[in-house]
Amino acid sequence: GLSQYSSDPRTEWDLSAYSTRDQVLEAVRNLRYKGGNTFTGLALTHVLEQNLKPDAGARLEAVKLVILLTDGKSQDDANLAAQTLKNLGIEIFAIGVKNADEAELKQVASEPLELTVYNVLDFPLLSSLVGRLTRVLCTRIKEKSNKENADIPVNMGPQLSPTDLKISAVTSKSMYLTWSPPLRPPKKYRIVYYPSKGGIPKEVVLDGAVSSLRLSNLTSHTEYLVSVFPIYDTVVGDGLRGVTSTLPLSSPRSLRVSELSHNSIKLSWKAAQGATQYLVLCSAAPDGAED
């Protein structure tokens, strides 16, 4: 499977898209380069949420590897996203080209770094890595396959996914999430939420026995995308997704002016719920009007 990224990751093809080497090579030849920014953290989150799922071709019993190829320093927190993948047993190989930040590559990659971090001065030099990288990848897959007990049958996908996400008690700053757990309880839940018009994704990790959460400290009058992912020892199940907007902040009402004098006025209004202070702005009338 392959995804390209800038500020908005894009899946080029899923793990299940092609079944032969020639098909994959043809897809690579037809790939159109995606220019733009370098949001590596968002790209790694995209791979976890979109590409490493059963319905995208990720076999539950298979070893999971991610190869990151980048020519720049990330403009968001790549380390946090990478750590989430590594905590799930997903191995990351980091390959830098030209202006890549080697310190960041070492943060993102899995141990041992002498096998998982590569850096070359220009794109044509990537060909020099192919032989060694292929041998390392195949060896790592065999090692991990021997260590892990593939005890999750392929047909268990639906049993690993929660259902019926409900979003309630929505205020200007918070919302309450509930869902029905899958037939096979997960080890953890990972809840990811962010504004639909752009923003840094935030996440909360819960124990697998919990199936509800209150999200707080949200921005008012904003549409949020919410995802709930079940996490098992060797796989991430299909996630639930929802969209809800927080309420606007309440406003003061019924503004009244009284007790006018030559240099003062009195203002009164009905309180805005939850307000701790008020800002009152006063300006002279436009030109042409009496003061």
Foldseek 3Di string as FASTA:
>chain_A
DDWDDAPDIDDLAAPPPDDDPVVVVVSVVVDDDDDHHAALLVNLVCCQQPHCEVVRPNFLLFAAEEEAEEAEEHPDPNLVSLVVCVQLRYFYAYEYEAHYDQVVRVSNGDPPNVLRYYYDHHDVCVVVCVVSNVVSVVVVRVVVSVVDDSPDDRPCQQQQEWDDWDWDPFAQFKIKIFTGGGNDQAQKKKKWKDFPVDDDIDIDIGGSVDGMDMGGRHHGQTKMKMKIWGGHNNGIHRIDIDIDHHHHFFDWDDWDWDDDDPPDIDIDTHDGPPDPDDDDDDDDDDPPDDD
